[in-house]
Amino acid sequence: MLLVHDVVEIDAGDTFAYDQARVETQHAREQQAADRLFGMLPIEQGSELRALWNEFEARETPESKYANALDRLQPLMQNFYSGGQSWIKHGVTRERVMQRMRAVEIGMPEVWPTVERVVAAAIEKEMVKG
């Protein structure tokens, strides 16, 4: 499910999570990419992969909630351990990070305390605005 999501995301032109202008057009771009990519496949295969992509996007099943949590957790950790360069460059606030990380709270509640600790440390290190 994550790989199918990522292929569509890449084809649509990956969007930096905190770039509000690009985020606003992301859904439409990804819909077009999904239509194009899944339309190139044999009907049965395209339908199966489209269903996985739709499941990820809907965030309703336990599997899709978990997949969305993983999709959000990786960039958080990458940003933190690379010195928060993209957070700093874009003036990202705690509120925006926490809003984005809600998928982790929903899909992987046992990991949520770690997210809170990482964000607190990012604020302390001035990577994220408090």
N, C-alpha and C. Protein backbone atom coordinates (compact mmCIF):
# COMPACT_ATOMS: atom_id res chain seq x y z
N MET A 1 0.83 -1.19 0.00
CA MET A 1 0.00 0.00 0.00
C MET A 1 0.88 1.26 0.00
N LEU A 2 1.92 1.26 0.82
CA LEU A 2 2.83 2.41 0.85
C LEU A 2 3.55 2.60 -0.47
N LEU A 3 3.98 1.52 -1.07
CA LEU A 3 4.69 1.63 -2.34
C LEU A 3 3.77 2.15 -3.45
N VAL A 4 2.54 1.67 -3.47
CA VAL A 4 1.58 2.15 -4.47
C VAL A 4 1.35 3.64 -4.26
N HIS A 5 1.17 4.03 -3.02
CA HIS A 5 0.99 5.46 -2.70
C HIS A 5 2.20 6.27 -3.16
N ASP A 6 3.39 5.78 -2.87
CA ASP A 6 4.60 6.52 -3.22
C ASP A 6 4.78 6.65 -4.73
N VAL A 7 4.47 5.62 -5.48
CA VAL A 7 4.61 5.69 -6.94
C VAL A 7 3.71 6.79 -7.49
N VAL A 8 2.48 6.86 -7.01
CA VAL A 8 1.55 7.90 -7.45
C VAL A 8 2.08 9.27 -7.03
N GLU A 9 2.54 9.37 -5.80
CA GLU A 9 3.05 10.63 -5.28
C GLU A 9 4.25 11.12 -6.10
N ILE A 10 5.13 10.23 -6.43
CA ILE A 10 6.31 10.58 -7.23
C ILE A 10 5.88 11.05 -8.62
N ASP A 11 4.97 10.32 -9.24
CA ASP A 11 4.52 10.69 -10.58
C ASP A 11 3.84 12.06 -10.57
N ALA A 12 3.14 12.37 -9.49
CA ALA A 12 2.42 13.66 -9.38
C ALA A 12 3.37 14.81 -9.07
N GLY A 13 4.57 14.50 -8.67
CA GLY A 13 5.52 15.53 -8.26
C GLY A 13 5.41 15.69 -6.75
N ASP A 14 6.33 15.08 -6.06
CA ASP A 14 6.29 15.05 -4.60
C ASP A 14 6.10 16.47 -4.05
N THR A 15 5.33 16.57 -2.99
CA THR A 15 5.00 17.85 -2.39
C THR A 15 5.60 17.93 -0.99
N PHE A 16 6.36 18.98 -0.72
CA PHE A 16 6.86 19.20 0.63
C PHE A 16 5.66 19.44 1.54
N ALA A 17 5.59 18.71 2.62
CA ALA A 17 4.42 18.70 3.49
C ALA A 17 4.01 20.07 4.00
N TYR A 18 4.95 20.99 4.10
CA TYR A 18 4.65 22.30 4.68
C TYR A 18 4.61 23.41 3.63
N ASP A 19 4.54 23.03 2.36
CA ASP A 19 4.40 23.99 1.27
C ASP A 19 2.91 24.12 0.97
N GLN A 20 2.27 25.08 1.61
CA GLN A 20 0.82 25.20 1.56
C GLN A 20 0.28 25.33 0.13
N ALA A 21 0.95 26.09 -0.71
CA ALA A 21 0.48 26.28 -2.08
C ALA A 21 0.45 24.96 -2.83
N ARG A 22 1.49 24.16 -2.69
CA ARG A 22 1.55 22.85 -3.39
C ARG A 22 0.60 21.85 -2.75
N VAL A 23 0.45 21.92 -1.43
CA VAL A 23 -0.46 21.00 -0.74
C VAL A 23 -1.89 21.19 -1.26
N GLU A 24 -2.25 22.43 -1.55
CA GLU A 24 -3.61 22.72 -2.03
C GLU A 24 -3.92 22.07 -3.38
N THR A 25 -2.90 21.82 -4.19
CA THR A 25 -3.12 21.20 -5.50
C THR A 25 -2.73 19.72 -5.51
N GLN A 26 -2.25 19.23 -4.40
CA GLN A 26 -1.72 17.87 -4.33
C GLN A 26 -2.76 16.82 -4.67
N HIS A 27 -3.93 16.91 -4.10
CA HIS A 27 -4.95 15.88 -4.33
C HIS A 27 -5.29 15.75 -5.82
N ALA A 28 -5.50 16.88 -6.47
CA ALA A 28 -5.84 16.85 -7.90
C ALA A 28 -4.69 16.27 -8.73
N ARG A 29 -3.46 16.67 -8.41
CA ARG A 29 -2.30 16.14 -9.14
C ARG A 29 -2.16 14.64 -8.94
N GLU A 30 -2.40 14.18 -7.71
CA GLU A 30 -2.27 12.75 -7.43
C GLU A 30 -3.41 11.96 -8.08
N GLN A 31 -4.60 12.52 -8.13
CA GLN A 31 -5.71 11.85 -8.82
C GLN A 31 -5.36 11.64 -10.30
N GLN A 32 -4.83 12.69 -10.93
CA GLN A 32 -4.43 12.58 -12.33
C GLN A 32 -3.34 11.54 -12.52
N ALA A 33 -2.36 11.54 -11.61
CA ALA A 33 -1.27 10.56 -11.71
C ALA A 33 -1.81 9.15 -11.53
N ALA A 34 -2.71 8.96 -10.57
CA ALA A 34 -3.29 7.64 -10.35
C ALA A 34 -4.07 7.18 -11.58
N ASP A 35 -4.86 8.08 -12.13
CA ASP A 35 -5.62 7.73 -13.35
C ASP A 35 -4.68 7.29 -14.46
N ARG A 36 -3.62 8.04 -14.64
CA ARG A 36 -2.67 7.75 -15.71
C ARG A 36 -1.94 6.43 -15.47
N LEU A 37 -1.38 6.29 -14.26
CA LEU A 37 -0.59 5.09 -13.96
C LEU A 37 -1.42 3.82 -13.97
N PHE A 38 -2.54 3.84 -13.27
CA PHE A 38 -3.34 2.63 -13.18
C PHE A 38 -4.03 2.33 -14.51
N GLY A 39 -4.24 3.37 -15.32
CA GLY A 39 -4.84 3.20 -16.63
C GLY A 39 -3.90 2.54 -17.63
N MET A 40 -2.61 2.55 -17.37
CA MET A 40 -1.64 1.92 -18.26
C MET A 40 -1.57 0.40 -18.05
N LEU A 41 -2.12 -0.06 -16.96
CA LEU A 41 -2.02 -1.48 -16.61
C LEU A 41 -3.21 -2.27 -17.14
N PRO A 42 -3.05 -3.59 -17.22
CA PRO A 42 -4.22 -4.42 -17.53
C PRO A 42 -5.32 -4.13 -16.51
N ILE A 43 -6.56 -4.20 -16.91
CA ILE A 43 -7.69 -3.77 -16.09
C ILE A 43 -7.68 -4.40 -14.70
N GLU A 44 -7.49 -5.69 -14.61
CA GLU A 44 -7.52 -6.36 -13.31
C GLU A 44 -6.41 -5.85 -12.39
N GLN A 45 -5.22 -5.74 -12.92
CA GLN A 45 -4.08 -5.27 -12.13
C GLN A 45 -4.26 -3.80 -11.76
N GLY A 46 -4.67 -2.99 -12.71
CA GLY A 46 -4.90 -1.57 -12.45
C GLY A 46 -5.96 -1.37 -11.39
N SER A 47 -7.03 -2.15 -11.47
CA SER A 47 -8.12 -2.04 -10.49
C SER A 47 -7.65 -2.42 -9.09
N GLU A 48 -6.86 -3.48 -9.01
CA GLU A 48 -6.36 -3.94 -7.71
C GLU A 48 -5.44 -2.88 -7.07
N LEU A 49 -4.54 -2.34 -7.86
CA LEU A 49 -3.62 -1.32 -7.32
C LEU A 49 -4.36 -0.03 -7.02
N ARG A 50 -5.33 0.33 -7.84
CA ARG A 50 -6.12 1.54 -7.58
C ARG A 50 -6.89 1.38 -6.27
N ALA A 51 -7.40 0.19 -6.01
CA ALA A 51 -8.11 -0.06 -4.76
C ALA A 51 -7.18 0.12 -3.56
N LEU A 52 -5.95 -0.33 -3.68
CA LEU A 52 -4.97 -0.12 -2.60
C LEU A 52 -4.69 1.36 -2.39
N TRP A 53 -4.51 2.07 -3.48
CA TRP A 53 -4.25 3.51 -3.39
C TRP A 53 -5.45 4.22 -2.77
N ASN A 54 -6.66 3.87 -3.21
CA ASN A 54 -7.87 4.48 -2.64
C ASN A 54 -7.99 4.17 -1.15
N GLU A 55 -7.64 2.95 -0.77
CA GLU A 55 -7.69 2.57 0.66
C GLU A 55 -6.72 3.43 1.47
N PHE A 56 -5.51 3.62 0.95
CA PHE A 56 -4.54 4.47 1.64
C PHE A 56 -5.09 5.88 1.81
N GLU A 57 -5.61 6.43 0.74
CA GLU A 57 -6.11 7.80 0.75
C GLU A 57 -7.31 7.98 1.68
N ALA A 58 -8.16 6.96 1.79
CA ALA A 58 -9.36 7.06 2.62
C ALA A 58 -9.05 7.01 4.12
N ARG A 59 -7.97 6.36 4.49
CA ARG A 59 -7.55 6.27 5.89
C ARG A 59 -8.66 5.75 6.81
N GLU A 60 -9.33 4.70 6.35
CA GLU A 60 -10.43 4.16 7.14
C GLU A 60 -10.13 2.78 7.73
N THR A 61 -9.35 1.97 7.05
CA THR A 61 -9.05 0.62 7.53
C THR A 61 -7.86 0.67 8.48
N PRO A 62 -7.75 -0.33 9.36
CA PRO A 62 -6.57 -0.38 10.24
C PRO A 62 -5.27 -0.36 9.44
N GLU A 63 -5.25 -1.08 8.32
CA GLU A 63 -4.03 -1.13 7.50
C GLU A 63 -3.68 0.24 6.92
N SER A 64 -4.69 0.95 6.45
CA SER A 64 -4.42 2.27 5.86
C SER A 64 -4.03 3.29 6.92
N LYS A 65 -4.58 3.18 8.10
CA LYS A 65 -4.19 4.08 9.20
C LYS A 65 -2.74 3.83 9.58
N TYR A 66 -2.36 2.57 9.63
CA TYR A 66 -0.98 2.20 9.94
C TYR A 66 -0.04 2.68 8.85
N ALA A 67 -0.42 2.46 7.59
CA ALA A 67 0.41 2.90 6.46
C ALA A 67 0.58 4.41 6.45
N ASN A 68 -0.48 5.15 6.73
CA ASN A 68 -0.38 6.60 6.79
C ASN A 68 0.52 7.04 7.94
N ALA A 69 0.46 6.34 9.05
CA ALA A 69 1.34 6.66 10.17
C ALA A 69 2.80 6.48 9.77
N LEU A 70 3.11 5.37 9.12
CA LEU A 70 4.48 5.15 8.65
C LEU A 70 4.91 6.23 7.67
N ASP A 71 3.99 6.62 6.79
CA ASP A 71 4.28 7.64 5.78
C ASP A 71 4.62 8.98 6.44
N ARG A 72 4.05 9.27 7.57
CA ARG A 72 4.30 10.53 8.27
C ARG A 72 5.50 10.43 9.21
N LEU A 73 5.71 9.27 9.78
CA LEU A 73 6.78 9.10 10.76
C LEU A 73 8.17 9.22 10.13
N GLN A 74 8.35 8.63 8.97
CA GLN A 74 9.67 8.64 8.33
C GLN A 74 10.19 10.06 8.08
N PRO A 75 9.40 10.97 7.49
CA PRO A 75 9.92 12.31 7.27
C PRO A 75 10.21 13.07 8.58
N LEU A 76 9.42 12.81 9.61
CA LEU A 76 9.69 13.44 10.92
C LEU A 76 11.09 13.06 11.39
N MET A 77 11.37 11.77 11.36
CA MET A 77 12.66 11.30 11.84
C MET A 77 13.79 11.79 10.93
N GLN A 78 13.55 11.78 9.64
CA GLN A 78 14.55 12.24 8.69
C GLN A 78 14.87 13.72 8.91
N ASN A 79 13.83 14.53 9.08
CA ASN A 79 14.04 15.95 9.34
C ASN A 79 14.82 16.16 10.63
N PHE A 80 14.43 15.45 11.67
CA PHE A 80 15.10 15.64 12.96
C PHE A 80 16.57 15.25 12.89
N TYR A 81 16.85 14.06 12.35
CA TYR A 81 18.22 13.57 12.35
C TYR A 81 19.11 14.21 11.28
N SER A 82 18.53 15.02 10.42
CA SER A 82 19.35 15.77 9.45
C SER A 82 19.51 17.22 9.90
N GLY A 83 19.14 17.50 11.12
CA GLY A 83 19.33 18.85 11.66
C GLY A 83 18.16 19.78 11.41
N GLY A 84 17.06 19.26 10.93
CA GLY A 84 15.86 20.07 10.74
C GLY A 84 15.97 21.12 9.65
N GLN A 85 16.83 20.90 8.68
CA GLN A 85 17.10 21.91 7.66
C GLN A 85 15.84 22.39 6.94
N SER A 86 14.98 21.46 6.53
CA SER A 86 13.79 21.90 5.81
C SER A 86 12.78 22.57 6.73
N TRP A 87 12.71 22.15 7.98
CA TRP A 87 11.84 22.84 8.94
C TRP A 87 12.32 24.28 9.14
N ILE A 88 13.61 24.42 9.34
CA ILE A 88 14.19 25.75 9.57
C ILE A 88 13.98 26.64 8.35
N LYS A 89 14.30 26.11 7.18
CA LYS A 89 14.18 26.88 5.93
C LYS A 89 12.76 27.41 5.73
N HIS A 90 11.76 26.62 6.12
CA HIS A 90 10.37 27.00 5.88
C HIS A 90 9.67 27.54 7.13
N GLY A 91 10.42 27.72 8.22
CA GLY A 91 9.83 28.30 9.43
C GLY A 91 8.68 27.48 9.99
N VAL A 92 8.82 26.18 9.98
CA VAL A 92 7.75 25.29 10.42
C VAL A 92 7.55 25.39 11.93
N THR A 93 6.29 25.42 12.32
CA THR A 93 5.93 25.54 13.74
C THR A 93 5.55 24.18 14.34
N ARG A 94 5.58 24.13 15.65
CA ARG A 94 5.16 22.94 16.38
C ARG A 94 3.73 22.56 15.99
N GLU A 95 2.87 23.53 15.91
CA GLU A 95 1.46 23.27 15.58
C GLU A 95 1.32 22.55 14.24
N ARG A 96 2.08 23.00 13.26
CA ARG A 96 2.00 22.37 11.93
C ARG A 96 2.55 20.95 11.95
N VAL A 97 3.65 20.75 12.68
CA VAL A 97 4.23 19.41 12.77
C VAL A 97 3.24 18.47 13.48
N MET A 98 2.70 18.92 14.59
CA MET A 98 1.78 18.07 15.35
C MET A 98 0.52 17.76 14.54
N GLN A 99 0.04 18.73 13.80
CA GLN A 99 -1.14 18.50 12.96
C GLN A 99 -0.83 17.41 11.93
N ARG A 100 0.32 17.51 11.33
CA ARG A 100 0.73 16.52 10.32
C ARG A 100 0.94 15.14 10.94
N MET A 101 1.39 15.10 12.17
CA MET A 101 1.70 13.84 12.84
C MET A 101 0.47 13.15 13.43
N ARG A 102 -0.70 13.75 13.36
CA ARG A 102 -1.91 13.13 13.90
C ARG A 102 -2.14 11.74 13.30
N ALA A 103 -1.68 11.53 12.10
CA ALA A 103 -1.81 10.20 11.49
C ALA A 103 -1.06 9.16 12.30
N VAL A 104 0.03 9.53 12.93
CA VAL A 104 0.78 8.60 13.79
C VAL A 104 -0.01 8.33 15.06
N GLU A 105 -0.59 9.36 15.63
CA GLU A 105 -1.39 9.18 16.84
C GLU A 105 -2.56 8.22 16.59
N ILE A 106 -3.14 8.30 15.39
CA ILE A 106 -4.28 7.44 15.04
C ILE A 106 -3.83 6.03 14.65
N GLY A 107 -2.83 5.94 13.82
CA GLY A 107 -2.43 4.64 13.26
C GLY A 107 -1.43 3.85 14.06
N MET A 108 -0.66 4.54 14.92
CA MET A 108 0.36 3.89 15.74
C MET A 108 0.39 4.57 17.11
N PRO A 109 -0.68 4.48 17.87
CA PRO A 109 -0.73 5.22 19.14
C PRO A 109 0.41 4.90 20.10
N GLU A 110 0.96 3.70 20.00
CA GLU A 110 2.07 3.34 20.87
C GLU A 110 3.34 4.12 20.54
N VAL A 111 3.40 4.70 19.36
CA VAL A 111 4.57 5.47 18.93
C VAL A 111 4.38 6.96 19.21
N TRP A 112 3.16 7.38 19.49
CA TRP A 112 2.86 8.80 19.69
C TRP A 112 3.77 9.47 20.72
N PRO A 113 4.04 8.86 21.89
CA PRO A 113 4.95 9.51 22.84
C PRO A 113 6.33 9.81 22.25
N THR A 114 6.79 8.96 21.35
CA THR A 114 8.08 9.20 20.69
C THR A 114 7.98 10.43 19.79
N VAL A 115 6.89 10.57 19.08
CA VAL A 115 6.68 11.74 18.23
C VAL A 115 6.72 13.00 19.10
N GLU A 116 6.03 12.97 20.23
CA GLU A 116 6.01 14.13 21.12
C GLU A 116 7.41 14.47 21.61
N ARG A 117 8.20 13.45 21.95
CA ARG A 117 9.58 13.69 22.40
C ARG A 117 10.45 14.26 21.29
N VAL A 118 10.32 13.74 20.08
CA VAL A 118 11.11 14.22 18.95
C VAL A 118 10.76 15.68 18.64
N VAL A 119 9.49 16.01 18.64
CA VAL A 119 9.07 17.39 18.37
C VAL A 119 9.56 18.31 19.48
N ALA A 120 9.46 17.89 20.72
CA ALA A 120 9.96 18.71 21.83
C ALA A 120 11.47 18.94 21.69
N ALA A 121 12.21 17.92 21.31
CA ALA A 121 13.65 18.06 21.11
C ALA A 121 13.94 18.97 19.92
N ALA A 122 13.13 18.90 18.87
CA ALA A 122 13.31 19.77 17.71
C ALA A 122 13.08 21.23 18.09
N ILE A 123 12.14 21.48 18.96
CA ILE A 123 11.90 22.85 19.44
C ILE A 123 13.09 23.31 20.29
N GLU A 124 13.54 22.43 21.17
CA GLU A 124 14.67 22.76 22.04
C GLU A 124 15.92 23.08 21.22
N LYS A 125 16.11 22.38 20.11
CA LYS A 125 17.28 22.59 19.25
C LYS A 125 17.03 23.68 18.20
N GLU A 126 15.89 24.34 18.33
CA GLU A 126 15.50 25.44 17.43
C GLU A 126 15.37 25.03 15.97
N MET A 127 14.97 23.79 15.75
CA MET A 127 14.68 23.32 14.40
C MET A 127 13.24 23.66 14.02
N VAL A 128 12.37 23.67 15.02
CA VAL A 128 10.95 23.94 14.87
C VAL A 128 10.61 25.07 15.82
N LYS A 129 9.75 25.97 15.35
CA LYS A 129 9.32 27.08 16.21
C LYS A 129 8.27 26.58 17.19
N GLY A 130 8.48 26.93 18.48
CA GLY A 130 7.56 26.48 19.55
C GLY A 130 6.27 27.10 19.51
